[in-house]
């Protein structure tokens, strides 16, 4: 488990930050009853997902798991 990043990557942080800002914008404009601002917030939220995927494809995401990596505990005994 120590070899996992658990999502602590530039791609994850950037995507979540942009999506959070979009969510806040959409929420504020919902309360203000402004549909244009709401849809801008929704677009920002979706932009966060796209930004995270693009950064991941650029190599800034979590690395791919190694082939043949042990996934079960070493001390497990098969009965």
PDB file of N, CA and C in Angstrom:
ATOM      1  N   UNK A   1       0.815  -1.190   0.000  1.00  0.00           N
ATOM      2  CA  UNK A   1       0.000   0.000   0.000  1.00  0.00           C
ATOM      3  C   UNK A   1       0.858   1.253   0.000  1.00  0.00           C
ATOM      4  N   UNK A   2       2.050   1.189   0.531  1.00  0.00           N
ATOM      5  CA  UNK A   2       2.875   2.383   0.592  1.00  0.00           C
ATOM      6  C   UNK A   2       3.258   2.861  -0.803  1.00  0.00           C
ATOM      7  N   UNK A   3       3.170   1.989  -1.796  1.00  0.00           N
ATOM      8  CA  UNK A   3       3.523   2.374  -3.148  1.00  0.00           C
ATOM      9  C   UNK A   3       2.410   3.084  -3.895  1.00  0.00           C
ATOM     10  N   UNK A   4       1.225   3.214  -3.288  1.00  0.00           N
ATOM     11  CA  UNK A   4       0.102   3.881  -3.952  1.00  0.00           C
ATOM     12  C   UNK A   4       0.136   5.379  -3.700  1.00  0.00           C
ATOM     13  N   UNK A   5      -0.333   6.145  -4.687  1.00  0.00           N
ATOM     14  CA  UNK A   5      -0.406   7.598  -4.538  1.00  0.00           C
ATOM     15  C   UNK A   5      -1.726   8.043  -3.932  1.00  0.00           C
ATOM     16  N   UNK A   6      -2.729   7.199  -3.950  1.00  0.00           N
ATOM     17  CA  UNK A   6      -4.054   7.508  -3.403  1.00  0.00           C
ATOM     18  C   UNK A   6      -4.628   8.794  -3.985  1.00  0.00           C
ATOM     19  N   UNK A   7      -4.295   9.103  -5.231  1.00  0.00           N
ATOM     20  CA  UNK A   7      -4.858  10.277  -5.884  1.00  0.00           C
ATOM     21  C   UNK A   7      -4.143  11.577  -5.587  1.00  0.00           C
ATOM     22  N   UNK A   8      -3.031  11.540  -4.851  1.00  0.00           N
ATOM     23  CA  UNK A   8      -2.293  12.760  -4.538  1.00  0.00           C
ATOM     24  C   UNK A   8      -1.355  13.090  -5.691  1.00  0.00           C
ATOM     25  N   UNK A   9      -1.934  13.497  -6.807  1.00  0.00           N
ATOM     26  CA  UNK A   9      -1.158  13.818  -7.999  1.00  0.00           C
ATOM     27  C   UNK A   9      -1.574  15.191  -8.507  1.00  0.00           C
ATOM     28  N   UNK A  10      -0.731  15.836  -9.307  1.00  0.00           N
ATOM     29  CA  UNK A  10      -1.120  17.132  -9.871  1.00  0.00           C
ATOM     30  C   UNK A  10      -2.406  17.051 -10.692  1.00  0.00           C
ATOM     31  N   UNK A  11      -2.606  15.949 -11.402  1.00  0.00           N
ATOM     32  CA  UNK A  11      -3.826  15.800 -12.203  1.00  0.00           C
ATOM     33  C   UNK A  11      -5.059  15.774 -11.307  1.00  0.00           C
ATOM     34  N   UNK A  12      -4.997  15.029 -10.225  1.00  0.00           N
ATOM     35  CA  UNK A  12      -6.144  14.931  -9.316  1.00  0.00           C
ATOM     36  C   UNK A  12      -6.416  16.257  -8.614  1.00  0.00           C
ATOM     37  N   UNK A  13      -5.374  16.889  -8.092  1.00  0.00           N
ATOM     38  CA  UNK A  13      -5.561  18.159  -7.390  1.00  0.00           C
ATOM     39  C   UNK A  13      -6.121  19.226  -8.317  1.00  0.00           C
ATOM     40  N   UNK A  14      -5.605  19.314  -9.530  1.00  0.00           N
ATOM     41  CA  UNK A  14      -6.082  20.326 -10.473  1.00  0.00           C
ATOM     42  C   UNK A  14      -7.529  20.070 -10.860  1.00  0.00           C
ATOM     43  N   UNK A  15      -7.848  18.838 -11.211  1.00  0.00           N
ATOM     44  CA  UNK A  15      -9.215  18.514 -11.607  1.00  0.00           C
ATOM     45  C   UNK A  15     -10.222  18.766 -10.503  1.00  0.00           C
ATOM     46  N   UNK A  16      -9.888  18.360  -9.287  1.00  0.00           N
ATOM     47  CA  UNK A  16     -10.810  18.541  -8.165  1.00  0.00           C
ATOM     48  C   UNK A  16     -10.954  20.019  -7.810  1.00  0.00           C
ATOM     49  N   UNK A  17      -9.869  20.774  -7.871  1.00  0.00           N
ATOM     50  CA  UNK A  17      -9.944  22.206  -7.549  1.00  0.00           C
ATOM     51  C   UNK A  17     -10.829  22.944  -8.537  1.00  0.00           C
ATOM     52  N   UNK A  18     -10.654  22.686  -9.824  1.00  0.00           N
ATOM     53  CA  UNK A  18     -11.488  23.344 -10.836  1.00  0.00           C
ATOM     54  C   UNK A  18     -12.944  22.921 -10.679  1.00  0.00           C
ATOM     55  N   UNK A  19     -13.182  21.636 -10.443  1.00  0.00           N
ATOM     56  CA  UNK A  19     -14.554  21.155 -10.264  1.00  0.00           C
ATOM     57  C   UNK A  19     -15.194  21.769  -9.016  1.00  0.00           C
ATOM     58  N   UNK A  20     -14.431  21.925  -7.946  1.00  0.00           N
ATOM     59  CA  UNK A  20     -14.961  22.527  -6.720  1.00  0.00           C
ATOM     60  C   UNK A  20     -15.333  23.989  -6.946  1.00  0.00           C
ATOM     61  N   UNK A  21     -14.488  24.716  -7.661  1.00  0.00           N
ATOM     62  CA  UNK A  21     -14.808  26.114  -7.975  1.00  0.00           C
ATOM     63  C   UNK A  21     -16.073  26.176  -8.823  1.00  0.00           C
ATOM     64  N   UNK A  22     -16.186  25.296  -9.804  1.00  0.00           N
ATOM     65  CA  UNK A  22     -17.393  25.254 -10.628  1.00  0.00           C
ATOM     66  C   UNK A  22     -18.632  24.945  -9.811  1.00  0.00           C
ATOM     67  N   UNK A  23     -18.504  24.022  -8.864  1.00  0.00           N
ATOM     68  CA  UNK A  23     -19.630  23.685  -7.992  1.00  0.00           C
ATOM     69  C   UNK A  23     -20.043  24.887  -7.148  1.00  0.00           C
ATOM     70  N   UNK A  24     -19.059  25.608  -6.623  1.00  0.00           N
ATOM     71  CA  UNK A  24     -19.363  26.797  -5.814  1.00  0.00           C
ATOM     72  C   UNK A  24     -20.036  27.876  -6.650  1.00  0.00           C
ATOM     73  N   UNK A  25     -19.553  28.085  -7.872  1.00  0.00           N
ATOM     74  CA  UNK A  25     -20.168  29.079  -8.764  1.00  0.00           C
ATOM     75  C   UNK A  25     -21.605  28.685  -9.074  1.00  0.00           C
ATOM     76  N   UNK A  26     -21.820  27.428  -9.434  1.00  0.00           N
ATOM     77  CA  UNK A  26     -23.174  26.967  -9.753  1.00  0.00           C
ATOM     78  C   UNK A  26     -24.094  27.091  -8.542  1.00  0.00           C
ATOM     79  N   UNK A  27     -23.582  26.776  -7.367  1.00  0.00           N
ATOM     80  CA  UNK A  27     -24.400  26.883  -6.155  1.00  0.00           C
ATOM     81  C   UNK A  27     -24.778  28.327  -5.861  1.00  0.00           C
ATOM     82  N   UNK A  28     -23.814  29.231  -5.981  1.00  0.00           N
ATOM     83  CA  UNK A  28     -24.091  30.644  -5.707  1.00  0.00           C
ATOM     84  C   UNK A  28     -25.130  31.194  -6.676  1.00  0.00           C
ATOM     85  N   UNK A  29     -24.992  30.873  -7.944  1.00  0.00           N
ATOM     86  CA  UNK A  29     -25.943  31.393  -8.923  1.00  0.00           C
ATOM     87  C   UNK A  29     -27.301  30.700  -8.837  1.00  0.00           C
ATOM     88  N   UNK A  30     -27.342  29.506  -8.261  1.00  0.00           N
ATOM     89  CA  UNK A  30     -28.638  28.873  -8.006  1.00  0.00           C
ATOM     90  C   UNK A  30     -29.398  29.668  -6.947  1.00  0.00           C
ATOM     91  N   UNK A  31     -28.698  30.048  -5.890  1.00  0.00           N
ATOM     92  CA  UNK A  31     -29.324  30.833  -4.826  1.00  0.00           C
ATOM     93  C   UNK A  31     -29.761  32.198  -5.351  1.00  0.00           C
ATOM     94  N   UNK A  32     -28.959  32.778  -6.250  1.00  0.00           N
ATOM     95  CA  UNK A  32     -29.289  34.084  -6.823  1.00  0.00           C
ATOM     96  C   UNK A  32     -30.318  33.993  -7.944  1.00  0.00           C
ATOM     97  N   UNK A  33     -30.737  32.793  -8.296  1.00  0.00           N
ATOM     98  CA  UNK A  33     -31.715  32.552  -9.368  1.00  0.00           C
ATOM     99  C   UNK A  33     -31.259  33.145 -10.698  1.00  0.00           C
ATOM    100  N   UNK A  34     -29.983  32.902 -11.032  1.00  0.00           N
ATOM    101  CA  UNK A  34     -29.405  33.351 -12.303  1.00  0.00           C
ATOM    102  C   UNK A  34     -29.015  32.120 -13.121  1.00  0.00           C
ATOM    103  N   UNK A  35     -29.845  31.724 -14.086  1.00  0.00           N
ATOM    104  CA  UNK A  35     -29.573  30.487 -14.829  1.00  0.00           C
ATOM    105  C   UNK A  35     -28.282  30.520 -15.642  1.00  0.00           C
ATOM    106  N   UNK A  36     -27.908  31.678 -16.180  1.00  0.00           N
ATOM    107  CA  UNK A  36     -26.681  31.741 -16.988  1.00  0.00           C
ATOM    108  C   UNK A  36     -25.466  31.440 -16.116  1.00  0.00           C
ATOM    109  N   UNK A  37     -25.411  32.030 -14.945  1.00  0.00           N
ATOM    110  CA  UNK A  37     -24.306  31.767 -14.024  1.00  0.00           C
ATOM    111  C   UNK A  37     -24.279  30.324 -13.565  1.00  0.00           C
ATOM    112  N   UNK A  38     -25.462  29.750 -13.363  1.00  0.00           N
ATOM    113  CA  UNK A  38     -25.542  28.337 -12.986  1.00  0.00           C
ATOM    114  C   UNK A  38     -24.904  27.463 -14.055  1.00  0.00           C
ATOM    115  N   UNK A  39     -25.245  27.705 -15.322  1.00  0.00           N
ATOM    116  CA  UNK A  39     -24.707  26.873 -16.401  1.00  0.00           C
ATOM    117  C   UNK A  39     -23.216  27.107 -16.601  1.00  0.00           C
ATOM    118  N   UNK A  40     -22.736  28.303 -16.306  1.00  0.00           N
ATOM    119  CA  UNK A  40     -21.289  28.541 -16.346  1.00  0.00           C
ATOM    120  C   UNK A  40     -20.603  27.702 -15.267  1.00  0.00           C
ATOM    121  N   UNK A  41     -21.208  27.633 -14.092  1.00  0.00           N
ATOM    122  CA  UNK A  41     -20.662  26.793 -13.025  1.00  0.00           C
ATOM    123  C   UNK A  41     -20.658  25.322 -13.385  1.00  0.00           C
ATOM    124  N   UNK A  42     -21.725  24.866 -14.032  1.00  0.00           N
ATOM    125  CA  UNK A  42     -21.780  23.467 -14.478  1.00  0.00           C
ATOM    126  C   UNK A  42     -20.674  23.205 -15.503  1.00  0.00           C
ATOM    127  N   UNK A  43     -20.475  24.159 -16.415  1.00  0.00           N
ATOM    128  CA  UNK A  43     -19.416  24.008 -17.418  1.00  0.00           C
ATOM    129  C   UNK A  43     -18.042  23.955 -16.752  1.00  0.00           C
ATOM    130  N   UNK A  44     -17.828  24.773 -15.728  1.00  0.00           N
ATOM    131  CA  UNK A  44     -16.556  24.733 -15.002  1.00  0.00           C
ATOM    132  C   UNK A  44     -16.359  23.387 -14.308  1.00  0.00           C
ATOM    133  N   UNK A  45     -17.421  22.847 -13.758  1.00  0.00           N
ATOM    134  CA  UNK A  45     -17.330  21.544 -13.103  1.00  0.00           C
ATOM    135  C   UNK A  45     -16.917  20.466 -14.105  1.00  0.00           C
ATOM    136  N   UNK A  46     -17.514  20.484 -15.275  1.00  0.00           N
ATOM    137  CA  UNK A  46     -17.143  19.519 -16.315  1.00  0.00           C
ATOM    138  C   UNK A  46     -15.726  19.773 -16.822  1.00  0.00           C
ATOM    139  N   UNK A  47     -15.325  21.043 -16.871  1.00  0.00           N
ATOM    140  CA  UNK A  47     -13.969  21.387 -17.287  1.00  0.00           C
ATOM    141  C   UNK A  47     -12.941  20.792 -16.320  1.00  0.00           C
ATOM    142  N   UNK A  48     -13.290  20.727 -15.042  1.00  0.00           N
ATOM    143  CA  UNK A  48     -12.395  20.107 -14.064  1.00  0.00           C
ATOM    144  C   UNK A  48     -12.142  18.646 -14.374  1.00  0.00           C
ATOM    145  N   UNK A  49     -13.184  17.933 -14.773  1.00  0.00           N
ATOM    146  CA  UNK A  49     -13.018  16.523 -15.138  1.00  0.00           C
ATOM    147  C   UNK A  49     -12.139  16.383 -16.376  1.00  0.00           C
ATOM    148  N   UNK A  50     -12.369  17.237 -17.353  1.00  0.00           N
ATOM    149  CA  UNK A  50     -11.567  17.188 -18.584  1.00  0.00           C
ATOM    150  C   UNK A  50     -10.112  17.527 -18.277  1.00  0.00           C
ATOM    151  N   UNK A  51      -9.888  18.544 -17.453  1.00  0.00           N
ATOM    152  CA  UNK A  51      -8.517  18.935 -17.106  1.00  0.00           C
ATOM    153  C   UNK A  51      -7.788  17.794 -16.399  1.00  0.00           C
ATOM    154  N   UNK A  52      -8.472  17.114 -15.491  1.00  0.00           N
ATOM    155  CA  UNK A  52      -7.853  15.982 -14.806  1.00  0.00           C
ATOM    156  C   UNK A  52      -7.481  14.861 -15.760  1.00  0.00           C
ATOM    157  N   UNK A  53      -8.359  14.566 -16.702  1.00  0.00           N
ATOM    158  CA  UNK A  53      -8.071  13.508 -17.677  1.00  0.00           C
ATOM    159  C   UNK A  53      -6.924  13.894 -18.608  1.00  0.00           C
ATOM    160  N   UNK A  54      -6.896  15.150 -19.033  1.00  0.00           N
ATOM    161  CA  UNK A  54      -5.816  15.606 -19.919  1.00  0.00           C
ATOM    162  C   UNK A  54      -4.475  15.548 -19.192  1.00  0.00           C
ATOM    163  N   UNK A  55      -4.448  16.022 -17.955  1.00  0.00           N
ATOM    164  CA  UNK A  55      -3.200  15.978 -17.197  1.00  0.00           C
ATOM    165  C   UNK A  55      -2.764  14.538 -16.928  1.00  0.00           C
ATOM    166  N   UNK A  56      -3.720  13.656 -16.696  1.00  0.00           N
ATOM    167  CA  UNK A  56      -3.371  12.246 -16.500  1.00  0.00           C
ATOM    168  C   UNK A  56      -2.758  11.660 -17.766  1.00  0.00           C
ATOM    169  N   UNK A  57      -3.325  12.024 -18.918  1.00  0.00           N
ATOM    170  CA  UNK A  57      -2.776  11.510 -20.175  1.00  0.00           C
ATOM    171  C   UNK A  57      -1.397  12.090 -20.472  1.00  0.00           C
ATOM    172  N   UNK A  58      -1.081  13.235 -19.865  1.00  0.00           N
ATOM    173  CA  UNK A  58       0.240  13.845 -20.033  1.00  0.00           C
ATOM    174  C   UNK A  58       1.268  13.261 -19.061  1.00  0.00           C
ATOM    175  N   UNK A  59       0.839  12.304 -18.235  1.00  0.00           N
ATOM    176  CA  UNK A  59       1.766  11.648 -17.325  1.00  0.00           C
ATOM    177  C   UNK A  59       1.821  12.251 -15.935  1.00  0.00           C
ATOM    178  N   UNK A  60       0.888  13.130 -15.602  1.00  0.00           N
ATOM    179  CA  UNK A  60       0.902  13.769 -14.287  1.00  0.00           C
ATOM    180  C   UNK A  60      -0.069  13.107 -13.310  1.00  0.00           C
ATOM    181  N   UNK A  61      -0.602  11.958 -13.703  1.00  0.00           N
ATOM    182  CA  UNK A  61      -1.535  11.229 -12.843  1.00  0.00           C
ATOM    183  C   UNK A  61      -0.832  10.105 -12.117  1.00  0.00           C
ATOM    184  N   UNK A  62      -1.615   9.228 -11.543  1.00  0.00           N
ATOM    185  CA  UNK A  62      -1.073   8.085 -10.821  1.00  0.00           C
ATOM    186  C   UNK A  62      -0.437   7.122 -11.811  1.00  0.00           C
ATOM    187  N   UNK A  63       0.749   6.600 -11.508  1.00  0.00           N
ATOM    188  CA  UNK A  63       1.401   5.669 -12.434  1.00  0.00           C
ATOM    189  C   UNK A  63       0.620   4.367 -12.557  1.00  0.00           C
ATOM    190  N   UNK A  64       0.785   3.721 -13.691  1.00  0.00           N
ATOM    191  CA  UNK A  64       0.141   2.432 -13.936  1.00  0.00           C
ATOM    192  C   UNK A  64       0.740   1.388 -12.995  1.00  0.00           C
ATOM    193  N   UNK A  65      -0.074   0.436 -12.517  1.00  0.00           N
ATOM    194  CA  UNK A  65       0.468  -0.608 -11.630  1.00  0.00           C
ATOM    195  C   UNK A  65       1.449  -1.499 -12.385  1.00  0.00           C
ATOM    196  N   UNK A  66       2.428  -1.981 -11.646  1.00  0.00           N
ATOM    197  CA  UNK A  66       3.435  -2.856 -12.243  1.00  0.00           C
ATOM    198  C   UNK A  66       2.826  -4.220 -12.539  1.00  0.00           C
ATOM    199  N   UNK A  67       3.262  -4.855 -13.624  1.00  0.00           N
ATOM    200  CA  UNK A  67       2.801  -6.196 -13.960  1.00  0.00           C
ATOM    201  C   UNK A  67       3.435  -7.194 -13.001  1.00  0.00           C
ATOM    202  N   UNK A  68       2.645  -8.154 -12.559  1.00  0.00           N
ATOM    203  CA  UNK A  68       3.165  -9.190 -11.682  1.00  0.00           C
ATOM    204  C   UNK A  68       3.331  -8.745 -10.242  1.00  0.00           C
ATOM    205  N   UNK A  69       2.808  -7.599  -9.908  1.00  0.00           N
ATOM    206  CA  UNK A  69       2.934  -7.097  -8.551  1.00  0.00           C
ATOM    207  C   UNK A  69       2.069  -7.940  -7.611  1.00  0.00           C
ATOM    208  N   UNK A  70       2.605  -8.250  -6.457  1.00  0.00           N
ATOM    209  CA  UNK A  70       1.878  -9.069  -5.495  1.00  0.00           C
ATOM    210  C   UNK A  70       0.713  -8.261  -4.934  1.00  0.00           C
ATOM    211  N   UNK A  71      -0.480  -8.860  -4.948  1.00  0.00           N
ATOM    212  CA  UNK A  71      -1.659  -8.161  -4.456  1.00  0.00           C
ATOM    213  C   UNK A  71      -2.190  -8.753  -3.159  1.00  0.00           C
ATOM    214  N   UNK A  72      -1.706  -9.911  -2.755  1.00  0.00           N
ATOM    215  CA  UNK A  72      -2.151 -10.544  -1.523  1.00  0.00           C
ATOM    216  C   UNK A  72      -1.034 -10.453  -0.491  1.00  0.00           C
ATOM    217  N   UNK A  73      -1.393 -10.463   0.778  1.00  0.00           N
ATOM    218  CA  UNK A  73      -0.362 -10.424   1.822  1.00  0.00           C
ATOM    219  C   UNK A  73       0.578 -11.619   1.722  1.00  0.00           C
ATOM    220  N   UNK A  74       1.831 -11.392   2.074  1.00  0.00           N
ATOM    221  CA  UNK A  74       2.822 -12.461   1.993  1.00  0.00           C
ATOM    222  C   UNK A  74       2.545 -13.586   2.981  1.00  0.00           C
ATOM    223  N   UNK A  75       1.956 -13.250   4.116  1.00  0.00           N
ATOM    224  CA  UNK A  75       1.760 -14.260   5.148  1.00  0.00           C
ATOM    225  C   UNK A  75       0.454 -15.031   4.999  1.00  0.00           C
ATOM    226  N   UNK A  76      -0.249 -14.862   3.905  1.00  0.00           N
ATOM    227  CA  UNK A  76      -1.503 -15.582   3.693  1.00  0.00           C
ATOM    228  C   UNK A  76      -1.212 -17.059   3.413  1.00  0.00           C
ATOM    229  N   UNK A  77      -1.964 -17.912   4.064  1.00  0.00           N
ATOM    230  CA  UNK A  77      -1.797 -19.357   3.908  1.00  0.00           C
ATOM    231  C   UNK A  77      -3.043 -19.900   3.230  1.00  0.00           C
ATOM    232  N   UNK A  78      -2.856 -20.611   2.116  1.00  0.00           N
ATOM    233  CA  UNK A  78      -3.988 -21.236   1.440  1.00  0.00           C
ATOM    234  C   UNK A  78      -4.329 -22.545   2.140  1.00  0.00           C
ATOM    235  N   UNK A  79      -5.602 -22.782   2.387  1.00  0.00           N
ATOM    236  CA  UNK A  79      -6.021 -23.991   3.108  1.00  0.00           C
ATOM    237  C   UNK A  79      -6.314 -25.121   2.161  1.00  0.00           C
TER     238      UNK A  79
END
